[in-house]
Amino acid sequence: MNNVSPTLNFHLLYFCFDSFLLQAPQYIAIAGYKRTDEHHGTSQRQTREASNDSDDEEDQDEDQEDLGRAADATTSSSFTFSGSTFGGTEDLVSCIQIWEISPTMLNGSDPSEQPRLSLCILHDWGATFDMQWMPYGGYESIEEYQTSQLPDQLPSLGLLALITGDGHLRILNVPHPAALYDLAAQYPQMDLEKPLCARYTDVMLEASFPHLLPIRLSWSGHESVAVGASDGSMLTYRLNDAVENFNVHMDTKAGALEAGVEYPPLHPIEPAQFFFGHDSCVRGLCSNNPWNRISFPTYKATQASELPPSTLLASCGNDGKLIMWDGGIKTVLFRTRGLLHTMCWSSSNDLICFSDGEHIVRIASTREDLKIRTIASSIKGFSTKSICGHQGGVWGIDCSRFFPFIASCGSDGAVRISNLNNRLVNHAKIYVNRLYALDWEVDQQTYVIRENLTEELSSQWSKGSTDGTIPPDPIAIHKVKWCPNIVAAGWIVSGGASGLVRLECTLPAS
């Protein structure tokens, strides 16, 4: 049997809201590589080669199989409970962890409280390259479920899109962990003191790409999801098409099971749009999400259906180009003779933040009326300005939805925070706060987290990295994310090659 280790090479971290109540828990989805020494190239697909795991699958615990069938009949036929072991191709077996965190844990009211691993989604899809919750519209309240007239339906925590090493794009309808624990309490075999383990038999969308390898994805509001591939091509899928196709498949499956016959697999859907966006691998992808506009006092929309559609998409790649897309029409915002690894869209002032080939985090204007002009502009009509820098490659950037703050992380093991608004003011000093830095002690073979570091000035990074040393691989921080919910707007989570995940609150407890 293949044991799924709880220590993954965490580099994908995404919040999902529970509700907007002040004491409601927040949920973080964490996935990545299974081992810290695992590496995959941008054009390397994980394959399902013949293995000796078939015998292991037959040896799985019968009680867990019976529990899975019982839960399958009680809830939805696309999601079942599972044991802590999972048969399949060993190199592809992995999991997605859903952690529950109460706001009282970080605000100081209950220091003894600890994060809780609520759910492990087991799968044999390989390493997770990218993952993202649908920004709004997917959450269903646990209170509504408890008072509903449909006890056989589980409320949804959200729709989770992910790209995995086997070259597939999948969209999962993740059930609410609280409802799963209520369901599991009906079965004496379940140990409720341990995290629940579950697996999917059917997913809402499964798209395969035999001639290209998807690398990055981004939700474009609630209507579609965009995908960037290793050959520079870009695709979009409409969520409505996926939902209709999934409903037809589940109806067909229900009829086949009732008749005692085999049912066909989920029918693939065609992408709504396909075009070549870059000359090489797409490394960053994001949309100008209309959900972010709700944080502005002038916006009054209360329903997801009232939100304007998201039409703008931005991407960056190994060809050194930063491009903004409106449909299939492209506008090159920045070009360099280097690799552009990551980017994000700032909701507070309509700026695109990205990292250049010199380890500098920059902002690019998407409007010509936004005054961030510089003497030397890379592209006529558009200009960029530096925000902060790292002593190595910048792997992750994220902008807060509620504050004009940007967070970045890189191979130097540091997480930095800066204020975007200060950069828009001429001759203003730009202070950069180093949230923490991760070091590797070679002699003791241990990690050291350094806090309370001195502030930096953005001007010191104007000519690139000031240190020519190459940071050690174990300290690299690959992902940093702000919490998108007002309940915990100051929360920031980061993780990387060490397998360590750090969550902290950047605001006072009050």
Protein backbone atom coordinates (compact mmCIF):
# COMPACT_ATOMS: atom_id res chain seq x y z
CA MET A 1 0.00 0.00 0.00
CA ASN A 2 1.10 3.55 -0.66
CA ASN A 3 1.18 5.77 2.40
CA VAL A 4 0.63 9.43 1.65
CA SER A 5 3.01 11.41 3.80
CA PRO A 6 1.57 14.51 5.50
CA THR A 7 4.79 16.39 4.72
CA LEU A 8 4.53 17.58 1.12
CA ASN A 9 6.70 20.05 -0.70
CA PHE A 10 4.13 22.78 -0.16
CA HIS A 11 4.21 25.45 -2.80
CA LEU A 12 0.51 26.00 -3.49
CA LEU A 13 -1.49 27.69 -0.77
CA TYR A 14 -4.97 29.10 -1.24
CA PHE A 15 -7.56 30.41 1.20
CA CYS A 16 -11.23 29.59 0.98
CA PHE A 17 -13.75 31.50 3.05
CA ASP A 18 -16.27 29.87 5.34
CA SER A 19 -18.48 32.91 5.87
CA PHE A 20 -18.21 36.57 6.74
CA LEU A 21 -19.06 36.06 10.41
CA LEU A 22 -16.39 37.42 12.74
CA GLN A 23 -15.72 34.07 14.40
CA ALA A 24 -16.04 31.87 11.31
CA PRO A 25 -13.11 29.57 10.50
CA GLN A 26 -11.01 29.98 7.40
CA TYR A 27 -9.87 27.10 5.21
CA ILE A 28 -6.56 26.77 3.38
CA ALA A 29 -5.94 24.30 0.56
CA ILE A 30 -2.34 23.07 0.46
CA ALA A 31 -0.78 20.84 -2.18
CA GLY A 32 2.40 20.46 -4.16
CA TYR A 33 5.08 17.82 -4.55
CA LYS A 34 5.07 14.65 -2.49
CA ARG A 35 8.75 14.86 -1.47
CA THR A 36 11.16 17.70 -0.90
CA ASP A 37 13.66 16.17 -3.35
CA GLU A 38 11.11 15.85 -6.16
CA HIS A 39 11.60 17.88 -9.34
CA HIS A 40 9.65 18.14 -12.59
CA GLY A 41 10.46 20.10 -15.73
CA THR A 42 7.96 22.40 -17.39
CA SER A 43 7.58 19.91 -20.26
CA GLN A 44 7.81 16.70 -18.22
CA ARG A 45 4.56 14.75 -17.89
CA GLN A 46 4.07 12.15 -15.18
CA THR A 47 2.85 8.92 -16.76
CA ARG A 48 0.93 5.93 -15.44
CA GLU A 49 3.44 3.22 -16.23
CA ALA A 50 2.94 -0.36 -15.20
CA SER A 51 3.60 -0.92 -11.51
CA ASN A 52 3.16 -3.54 -8.83
CA ASP A 53 0.45 -1.57 -7.08
CA SER A 54 -2.43 -3.76 -8.27
CA ASP A 55 -1.78 -6.25 -5.48
CA ASP A 56 -1.67 -3.41 -2.97
CA GLU A 57 -5.05 -2.16 -4.11
CA GLU A 58 -6.57 -5.57 -3.43
CA ASP A 59 -5.08 -5.54 0.07
CA GLN A 60 -6.80 -2.35 1.15
CA ASP A 61 -8.80 -2.56 4.34
CA GLU A 62 -12.24 -4.04 3.67
CA ASP A 63 -13.89 -1.96 6.37
CA GLN A 64 -12.74 1.22 4.67
CA GLU A 65 -14.08 -0.03 1.34
CA ASP A 66 -17.44 -0.84 2.91
CA LEU A 67 -17.46 2.61 4.52
CA GLY A 68 -16.70 4.21 1.18
CA ARG A 69 -19.61 2.40 -0.50
CA ALA A 70 -21.95 3.29 2.36
CA ALA A 71 -20.98 6.96 2.23
CA ASP A 72 -21.21 6.82 -1.56
CA ALA A 73 -24.80 5.67 -1.37
CA THR A 74 -25.68 8.18 1.33
CA THR A 75 -24.17 11.29 -0.27
CA SER A 76 -22.97 11.95 -3.78
CA SER A 77 -21.59 9.29 -6.09
CA SER A 78 -18.70 11.57 -7.08
CA PHE A 79 -17.09 11.72 -3.61
CA THR A 80 -16.41 8.90 -1.15
CA PHE A 81 -14.60 8.37 2.14
CA SER A 82 -11.33 6.46 1.95
CA GLY A 83 -8.71 4.97 4.22
CA SER A 84 -5.41 6.69 4.93
CA THR A 85 -3.84 4.51 2.24
CA PHE A 86 -4.52 4.78 -1.46
CA GLY A 87 -3.64 2.28 -4.18
CA GLY A 88 -2.29 3.51 -7.49
CA THR A 89 0.87 4.31 -9.37
CA GLU A 90 3.35 5.18 -6.64
CA ASP A 91 4.87 8.20 -8.37
CA LEU A 92 1.43 9.73 -8.93
CA VAL A 93 -0.13 9.19 -5.51
CA SER A 94 -0.47 12.46 -3.56
CA CYS A 95 -3.05 14.46 -1.66
CA ILE A 96 -4.60 17.89 -1.21
CA GLN A 97 -4.84 19.05 2.40
CA ILE A 98 -7.68 21.26 3.66
CA TRP A 99 -6.73 23.03 6.91
CA GLU A 100 -9.21 24.74 9.19
CA ILE A 101 -8.04 27.80 11.14
CA SER A 102 -10.10 29.82 13.60
CA PRO A 103 -9.65 33.61 13.70
CA THR A 104 -9.27 33.39 17.49
CA MET A 105 -6.02 31.50 17.01
CA LEU A 106 -4.13 34.48 15.56
CA ASN A 107 -5.80 37.38 17.35
CA GLY A 108 -4.49 36.23 20.73
CA SER A 109 -7.78 35.35 22.44
CA ASP A 110 -6.93 31.63 22.52
CA PRO A 111 -3.18 31.03 22.11
CA SER A 112 -3.55 27.31 22.83
CA GLU A 113 -5.68 26.74 19.75
CA GLN A 114 -3.95 24.97 16.86
CA PRO A 115 -4.72 24.62 13.13
CA ARG A 116 -6.71 21.53 12.29
CA LEU A 117 -6.19 19.27 9.29
CA SER A 118 -9.84 18.66 8.42
CA LEU A 119 -9.69 16.83 5.12
CA CYS A 120 -7.17 14.99 2.93
CA ILE A 121 -8.25 14.53 -0.69
CA LEU A 122 -6.32 11.51 -1.95
CA HIS A 123 -5.61 11.14 -5.66
CA ASP A 124 -3.25 9.54 -8.15
CA TRP A 125 -2.91 12.49 -10.50
CA GLY A 126 0.70 13.34 -9.72
CA ALA A 127 2.27 16.52 -8.40
CA THR A 128 0.13 19.66 -8.26
CA PHE A 129 1.51 22.40 -10.53
CA ASP A 130 -1.16 25.03 -9.87
CA MET A 131 -4.36 25.29 -7.85
CA GLN A 132 -6.97 27.97 -7.22
CA TRP A 133 -10.39 28.30 -5.61
CA MET A 134 -13.18 29.84 -7.64
CA PRO A 135 -13.20 33.40 -6.22
CA TYR A 136 -16.91 33.52 -5.36
CA GLY A 137 -20.22 31.74 -5.82
CA GLY A 138 -19.07 28.23 -4.84
CA TYR A 139 -19.53 28.37 -1.07
CA GLU A 140 -22.68 26.98 0.59
CA SER A 141 -23.41 27.71 4.23
CA ILE A 142 -23.33 24.83 6.70
CA GLU A 143 -26.26 26.40 8.55
CA GLU A 144 -28.43 26.24 5.41
CA TYR A 145 -27.48 22.60 4.92
CA GLN A 146 -28.48 21.65 8.47
CA THR A 147 -31.95 23.18 8.02
CA SER A 148 -32.47 22.13 4.39
CA GLN A 149 -34.90 19.53 3.12
CA LEU A 150 -32.14 17.72 1.18
CA PRO A 151 -30.23 15.70 3.78
CA ASP A 152 -28.52 13.63 1.07
CA GLN A 153 -26.78 16.69 -0.38
CA LEU A 154 -23.55 17.98 1.11
CA PRO A 155 -22.87 21.73 1.12
CA SER A 156 -19.95 22.89 -0.96
CA LEU A 157 -16.87 24.57 0.48
CA GLY A 158 -16.00 25.78 -2.99
CA LEU A 159 -14.91 24.83 -6.49
CA LEU A 160 -11.21 24.03 -6.65
CA ALA A 161 -9.41 24.04 -10.00
CA LEU A 162 -6.02 22.38 -10.25
CA ILE A 163 -3.39 21.32 -12.79
CA THR A 164 -1.52 18.12 -11.99
CA GLY A 165 1.54 16.28 -13.23
CA ASP A 166 -0.42 13.87 -15.42
CA GLY A 167 -1.24 16.82 -17.70
CA HIS A 168 -4.90 17.33 -16.73
CA LEU A 169 -7.01 20.30 -15.70
CA ARG A 170 -9.62 19.32 -13.12
CA ILE A 171 -12.33 21.19 -11.23
CA LEU A 172 -13.40 19.65 -7.91
CA ASN A 173 -16.54 20.44 -5.95
CA VAL A 174 -15.06 20.23 -2.43
CA PRO A 175 -17.66 19.39 0.24
CA HIS A 176 -17.73 21.33 3.48
CA PRO A 177 -15.56 19.53 6.10
CA ALA A 178 -18.04 20.28 8.89
CA ALA A 179 -20.77 18.44 6.99
CA LEU A 180 -18.41 15.55 6.29
CA TYR A 181 -17.69 15.17 10.00
CA ASP A 182 -21.43 15.12 10.72
CA LEU A 183 -21.83 12.38 8.12
CA ALA A 184 -18.80 10.40 9.34
CA ALA A 185 -20.19 10.43 12.89
CA GLN A 186 -22.89 8.00 11.67
CA TYR A 187 -20.29 5.30 11.07
CA PRO A 188 -18.55 3.68 14.07
CA GLN A 189 -15.53 2.74 11.91
CA MET A 190 -14.54 6.38 11.55
CA ASP A 191 -12.05 7.89 13.97
CA LEU A 192 -13.18 11.50 14.23
CA GLU A 193 -10.01 12.43 16.10
CA LYS A 194 -8.05 11.98 12.87
CA PRO A 195 -8.37 13.94 9.61
CA LEU A 196 -10.94 12.60 7.19
CA CYS A 197 -9.55 11.03 4.03
CA ALA A 198 -11.61 10.98 0.86
CA ARG A 199 -11.26 10.54 -2.87
CA TYR A 200 -13.14 11.51 -6.02
CA THR A 201 -14.75 9.02 -8.36
CA ASP A 202 -15.99 11.77 -10.69
CA VAL A 203 -14.88 15.38 -11.07
CA MET A 204 -16.82 18.33 -12.43
CA LEU A 205 -14.35 18.98 -15.25
CA GLU A 206 -11.46 16.88 -16.49
CA ALA A 207 -9.60 18.16 -19.53
CA SER A 208 -6.59 16.34 -20.96
CA PHE A 209 -4.01 17.78 -23.32
CA PRO A 210 -2.13 15.06 -25.25
CA HIS A 211 0.09 17.46 -27.22
CA LEU A 212 0.86 20.08 -24.55
CA LEU A 213 1.39 20.27 -20.81
CA PRO A 214 -0.69 22.78 -18.78
CA ILE A 215 1.32 24.75 -16.23
CA ARG A 216 -0.77 27.67 -14.90
CA LEU A 217 -4.46 28.45 -14.44
CA SER A 218 -6.58 31.42 -13.41
CA TRP A 219 -10.27 31.85 -12.78
CA SER A 220 -11.84 34.62 -14.86
CA GLY A 221 -14.58 35.49 -12.42
CA HIS A 222 -17.25 32.82 -12.02
CA GLU A 223 -17.72 32.16 -15.72
CA SER A 224 -14.53 30.56 -17.01
CA VAL A 225 -11.05 29.32 -16.19
CA ALA A 226 -7.95 30.09 -18.27
CA VAL A 227 -5.01 27.72 -18.74
CA GLY A 228 -1.43 28.44 -19.83
CA ALA A 229 0.71 25.64 -21.27
CA SER A 230 4.37 24.75 -21.64
CA ASP A 231 4.45 25.56 -25.38
CA GLY A 232 3.05 29.08 -24.88
CA SER A 233 -0.52 28.26 -25.84
CA MET A 234 -3.49 29.45 -23.79
CA LEU A 235 -7.00 28.01 -23.44
CA THR A 236 -10.24 28.97 -21.70
CA TYR A 237 -13.07 26.73 -20.51
CA ARG A 238 -16.58 27.91 -19.64
CA LEU A 239 -17.88 26.74 -16.28
CA ASN A 240 -21.48 26.51 -17.53
CA ASP A 241 -20.42 24.00 -20.19
CA ALA A 242 -18.60 21.94 -17.56
CA VAL A 243 -21.58 21.94 -15.17
CA GLU A 244 -24.05 20.89 -17.89
CA ASN A 245 -21.74 18.13 -19.06
CA PHE A 246 -21.20 16.92 -15.48
CA ASN A 247 -24.94 16.82 -14.73
CA VAL A 248 -25.59 14.75 -17.85
CA HIS A 249 -22.80 12.37 -16.86
CA MET A 250 -24.14 11.92 -13.32
CA ASP A 251 -27.66 11.23 -14.61
CA THR A 252 -26.26 8.65 -17.02
CA LYS A 253 -24.21 7.07 -14.24
CA ALA A 254 -27.21 6.85 -11.91
CA GLY A 255 -29.26 5.11 -14.58
CA ALA A 256 -26.44 2.69 -15.40
CA LEU A 257 -25.93 1.76 -11.74
CA GLU A 258 -29.64 1.17 -11.30
CA ALA A 259 -29.66 -1.08 -14.36
CA GLY A 260 -26.51 -2.88 -13.26
CA VAL A 261 -24.49 -2.01 -16.36
CA GLU A 262 -21.25 -0.13 -16.92
CA TYR A 263 -21.43 3.60 -17.44
CA PRO A 264 -19.24 5.66 -19.81
CA PRO A 265 -16.55 8.02 -18.50
CA LEU A 266 -17.06 11.77 -18.29
CA HIS A 267 -17.32 13.16 -21.81
CA PRO A 268 -14.61 15.76 -22.51
CA ILE A 269 -15.66 19.29 -23.46
CA GLU A 270 -13.94 21.50 -25.98
CA PRO A 271 -12.22 24.73 -24.89
CA ALA A 272 -14.11 27.92 -25.61
CA GLN A 273 -10.95 29.62 -26.84
CA PHE A 274 -7.46 28.58 -27.93
CA PHE A 275 -4.56 30.75 -29.06
CA PHE A 276 -0.78 30.97 -28.87
CA GLY A 277 0.03 33.63 -26.31
CA HIS A 278 3.78 33.28 -25.81
CA ASP A 279 6.81 31.97 -27.66
CA SER A 280 7.65 29.63 -24.79
CA CYS A 281 6.27 28.35 -21.48
CA VAL A 282 3.56 30.41 -19.73
CA ARG A 283 4.78 30.99 -16.16
CA GLY A 284 2.20 33.48 -14.82
CA LEU A 285 -1.52 33.94 -15.45
CA CYS A 286 -4.15 36.12 -13.76
CA SER A 287 -7.38 37.95 -14.56
CA ASN A 288 -8.78 41.30 -13.52
CA ASN A 289 -11.25 39.66 -11.19
CA PRO A 290 -14.57 41.56 -10.78
CA TRP A 291 -14.92 40.04 -7.28
CA ASN A 292 -12.18 42.37 -6.10
CA ARG A 293 -14.28 45.41 -6.95
CA ILE A 294 -16.78 44.58 -4.20
CA SER A 295 -14.27 45.84 -1.64
CA PHE A 296 -14.67 49.34 -3.06
CA PRO A 297 -17.31 51.47 -1.24
CA THR A 298 -18.79 52.64 -4.56
CA TYR A 299 -19.66 49.14 -5.70
CA LYS A 300 -23.10 47.94 -4.56
CA ALA A 301 -23.43 44.47 -6.10
CA THR A 302 -24.68 41.82 -3.67
CA GLN A 303 -25.22 38.86 -5.99
CA ALA A 304 -22.65 37.01 -8.05
CA SER A 305 -24.95 37.30 -11.08
CA GLU A 306 -24.76 41.11 -10.84
CA LEU A 307 -20.99 41.17 -11.17
CA PRO A 308 -19.59 42.41 -14.48
CA PRO A 309 -17.82 39.77 -16.55
CA SER A 310 -14.06 39.55 -16.37
CA THR A 311 -12.67 40.25 -19.85
CA LEU A 312 -9.04 41.16 -19.14
CA LEU A 313 -6.35 38.54 -18.72
CA ALA A 314 -2.61 39.00 -18.15
CA SER A 315 0.20 36.52 -18.66
CA CYS A 316 3.98 36.27 -18.52
CA GLY A 317 6.38 33.62 -19.70
CA ASN A 318 9.87 32.40 -20.38
CA ASP A 319 10.01 34.58 -23.50
CA GLY A 320 10.36 37.64 -21.23
CA LYS A 321 7.02 39.20 -22.19
CA LEU A 322 4.28 40.58 -19.97
CA ILE A 323 1.07 40.67 -22.01
CA MET A 324 -2.45 41.91 -21.30
CA TRP A 325 -5.26 40.19 -23.21
CA ASP A 326 -8.72 41.44 -24.07
CA GLY A 327 -10.24 38.42 -25.73
CA GLY A 328 -7.64 37.45 -28.32
CA ILE A 329 -6.23 40.98 -28.65
CA LYS A 330 -2.89 41.38 -26.92
CA THR A 331 -1.02 44.39 -25.58
CA VAL A 332 2.62 43.93 -24.60
CA LEU A 333 3.26 45.82 -21.35
CA PHE A 334 6.85 44.78 -20.71
CA ARG A 335 9.67 42.92 -22.45
CA THR A 336 13.04 41.81 -21.16
CA ARG A 337 15.85 39.44 -22.07
CA GLY A 338 15.10 37.14 -19.20
CA LEU A 339 12.48 34.88 -17.68
CA LEU A 340 9.31 36.23 -16.07
CA HIS A 341 8.31 33.74 -13.38
CA THR A 342 5.24 35.16 -11.67
CA MET A 343 2.71 37.97 -11.64
CA CYS A 344 -0.57 39.17 -10.10
CA TRP A 345 -3.17 41.88 -10.64
CA SER A 346 -3.58 44.57 -7.98
CA SER A 347 -7.25 45.27 -7.33
CA SER A 348 -6.67 48.55 -5.50
CA ASN A 349 -5.18 50.59 -8.36
CA ASP A 350 -5.37 48.49 -11.55
CA LEU A 351 -1.67 47.65 -11.68
CA ILE A 352 -0.01 44.44 -12.80
CA CYS A 353 2.78 43.31 -10.49
CA PHE A 354 5.47 40.99 -11.80
CA SER A 355 9.10 39.95 -11.31
CA ASP A 356 11.73 40.62 -13.94
CA GLY A 357 14.90 38.73 -14.82
CA GLU A 358 16.98 40.63 -12.23
CA HIS A 359 14.98 39.44 -9.18
CA ILE A 360 13.12 42.77 -8.93
CA VAL A 361 9.36 43.07 -8.25
CA ARG A 362 7.89 45.71 -10.56
CA ILE A 363 4.53 47.29 -11.31
CA ALA A 364 3.22 47.99 -14.79
CA SER A 365 0.47 50.43 -15.65
CA THR A 366 -2.52 49.12 -17.58
CA ARG A 367 -3.85 52.63 -18.24
CA GLU A 368 -2.08 55.50 -19.91
CA ASP A 369 -3.75 58.02 -17.57
CA LEU A 370 -2.08 56.45 -14.52
CA LYS A 371 0.95 58.62 -13.78
CA ILE A 372 3.81 56.29 -13.07
CA ARG A 373 5.93 57.61 -15.93
CA THR A 374 9.66 56.95 -16.00
CA ILE A 375 12.37 58.36 -18.23
CA ALA A 376 13.17 55.00 -19.83
CA SER A 377 10.03 53.07 -20.72
CA SER A 378 10.40 49.53 -22.05
CA ILE A 379 7.33 49.82 -24.26
CA LYS A 380 6.06 53.12 -25.63
CA GLY A 381 2.91 54.19 -23.79
CA PHE A 382 3.51 51.91 -20.79
CA SER A 383 6.02 52.13 -17.99
CA THR A 384 7.21 50.15 -15.00
CA LYS A 385 8.62 50.94 -11.58
CA SER A 386 10.49 48.78 -9.10
CA ILE A 387 8.94 47.92 -5.72
CA CYS A 388 11.41 45.60 -4.00
CA GLY A 389 13.99 42.95 -4.75
CA HIS A 390 15.26 39.58 -3.60
CA GLN A 391 18.67 37.94 -3.38
CA GLY A 392 17.47 35.28 -5.81
CA GLY A 393 14.65 34.45 -8.17
CA VAL A 394 11.17 35.70 -7.23
CA TRP A 395 8.77 32.74 -7.23
CA GLY A 396 5.56 34.20 -5.81
CA ILE A 397 3.69 37.54 -5.75
CA ASP A 398 0.29 38.36 -4.34
CA CYS A 399 -1.64 41.59 -3.71
CA SER A 400 -4.05 42.12 -0.85
CA ARG A 401 -7.65 42.58 -1.83
CA PHE A 402 -8.39 45.09 0.93
CA PHE A 403 -5.09 46.95 1.30
CA PRO A 404 -2.59 48.42 -1.18
CA PHE A 405 0.01 45.90 -0.02
CA ILE A 406 2.03 43.50 -2.12
CA ALA A 407 3.81 40.41 -0.78
CA SER A 408 6.61 38.58 -2.56
CA CYS A 409 8.75 35.53 -1.87
CA GLY A 410 11.74 33.97 -3.55
CA SER A 411 14.65 31.59 -3.53
CA ASP A 412 16.42 33.66 -0.85
CA GLY A 413 13.92 32.38 1.73
CA ALA A 414 12.48 35.82 2.53
CA VAL A 415 8.92 37.16 2.41
CA ARG A 416 8.71 40.91 1.79
CA ILE A 417 5.78 43.35 2.03
CA SER A 418 5.55 46.81 0.50
CA ASN A 419 2.94 49.53 -0.05
CA LEU A 420 2.04 50.07 -3.70
CA ASN A 421 0.58 53.53 -3.10
CA ASN A 422 3.94 54.88 -1.95
CA ARG A 423 5.43 53.99 -5.31
CA LEU A 424 2.85 56.13 -7.10
CA VAL A 425 4.03 59.25 -5.24
CA ASN A 426 7.06 60.95 -6.77
CA HIS A 427 10.19 61.21 -4.60
CA ALA A 428 8.63 59.19 -1.79
CA LYS A 429 10.80 56.71 0.12
CA ILE A 430 9.60 53.16 -0.38
CA TYR A 431 10.11 51.04 2.71
CA VAL A 432 10.08 47.27 2.38
CA ASN A 433 9.24 45.13 5.39
CA ARG A 434 10.86 41.72 5.60
CA LEU A 435 8.22 39.59 7.25
CA TYR A 436 10.67 36.78 7.97
CA ALA A 437 13.63 34.98 6.43
CA LEU A 438 14.30 31.25 6.34
CA ASP A 439 17.91 30.08 6.71
CA TRP A 440 19.52 26.65 6.49
CA GLU A 441 22.17 25.73 9.05
CA VAL A 442 24.42 23.27 7.24
CA ASP A 443 26.28 22.08 10.35
CA GLN A 444 23.12 21.30 12.36
CA GLN A 445 21.05 20.38 9.27
CA THR A 446 18.17 22.49 10.60
CA TYR A 447 16.06 25.43 9.49
CA VAL A 448 16.21 28.77 11.26
CA ILE A 449 13.44 31.37 10.96
CA ARG A 450 14.67 34.93 11.48
CA GLU A 451 12.12 37.54 12.55
CA ASN A 452 12.06 41.23 13.55
CA LEU A 453 14.32 42.12 10.63
CA THR A 454 15.22 45.68 9.73
CA GLU A 455 13.33 47.51 7.02
CA GLU A 456 14.81 48.00 3.56
CA LEU A 457 14.60 50.84 1.08
CA SER A 458 13.31 50.07 -2.38
CA SER A 459 16.06 52.23 -3.89
CA GLN A 460 18.72 49.68 -2.92
CA TRP A 461 17.22 47.26 -5.44
CA SER A 462 17.09 49.69 -8.35
CA LYS A 463 20.08 48.00 -10.05
CA GLY A 464 19.23 44.42 -9.24
CA SER A 465 20.42 42.05 -6.55
CA THR A 466 23.22 43.40 -4.37
CA ASP A 467 24.61 39.98 -3.47
CA GLY A 468 26.11 37.54 -5.95
CA THR A 469 25.74 34.44 -3.76
CA ILE A 470 23.36 31.65 -4.75
CA PRO A 471 20.90 30.77 -1.95
CA PRO A 472 20.65 27.10 -0.95
CA ASP A 473 17.71 25.23 -2.49
CA PRO A 474 16.01 24.16 0.79
CA ILE A 475 15.17 27.73 1.87
CA ALA A 476 13.27 28.72 -1.30
CA ILE A 477 9.75 30.09 -0.68
CA HIS A 478 7.55 29.27 -3.66
CA LYS A 479 4.16 30.68 -2.75
CA VAL A 480 2.74 33.56 -0.73
CA LYS A 481 -0.97 34.41 -0.43
CA TRP A 482 -3.07 37.05 1.31
CA CYS A 483 -6.41 36.00 2.74
CA PRO A 484 -9.15 37.29 0.37
CA ASN A 485 -11.78 37.53 3.13
CA ILE A 486 -12.43 40.58 5.28
CA VAL A 487 -12.69 38.39 8.40
CA ALA A 488 -8.96 37.69 8.20
CA ALA A 489 -7.77 40.33 5.76
CA GLY A 490 -4.39 40.64 7.49
CA TRP A 491 -3.54 36.95 7.29
CA ILE A 492 -0.70 35.91 5.03
CA VAL A 493 0.49 32.36 4.37
CA SER A 494 3.68 31.19 2.69
CA GLY A 495 5.50 27.93 2.03
CA GLY A 496 8.11 26.36 -0.18
CA ALA A 497 10.75 23.72 -0.77
CA SER A 498 11.24 22.94 2.93
CA GLY A 499 7.69 21.63 3.29
CA LEU A 500 7.03 24.21 6.01
CA VAL A 501 3.95 26.44 5.92
CA ARG A 502 3.89 29.69 7.90
CA LEU A 503 0.69 31.58 8.68
CA GLU A 504 0.66 34.87 10.52
CA CYS A 505 -1.38 38.00 11.01
CA THR A 506 0.18 41.27 9.83
CA LEU A 507 -2.38 43.46 11.64
CA PRO A 508 -2.75 44.18 15.39
CA ALA A 509 -5.03 41.86 17.30
CA SER A 510 -7.65 44.57 17.73
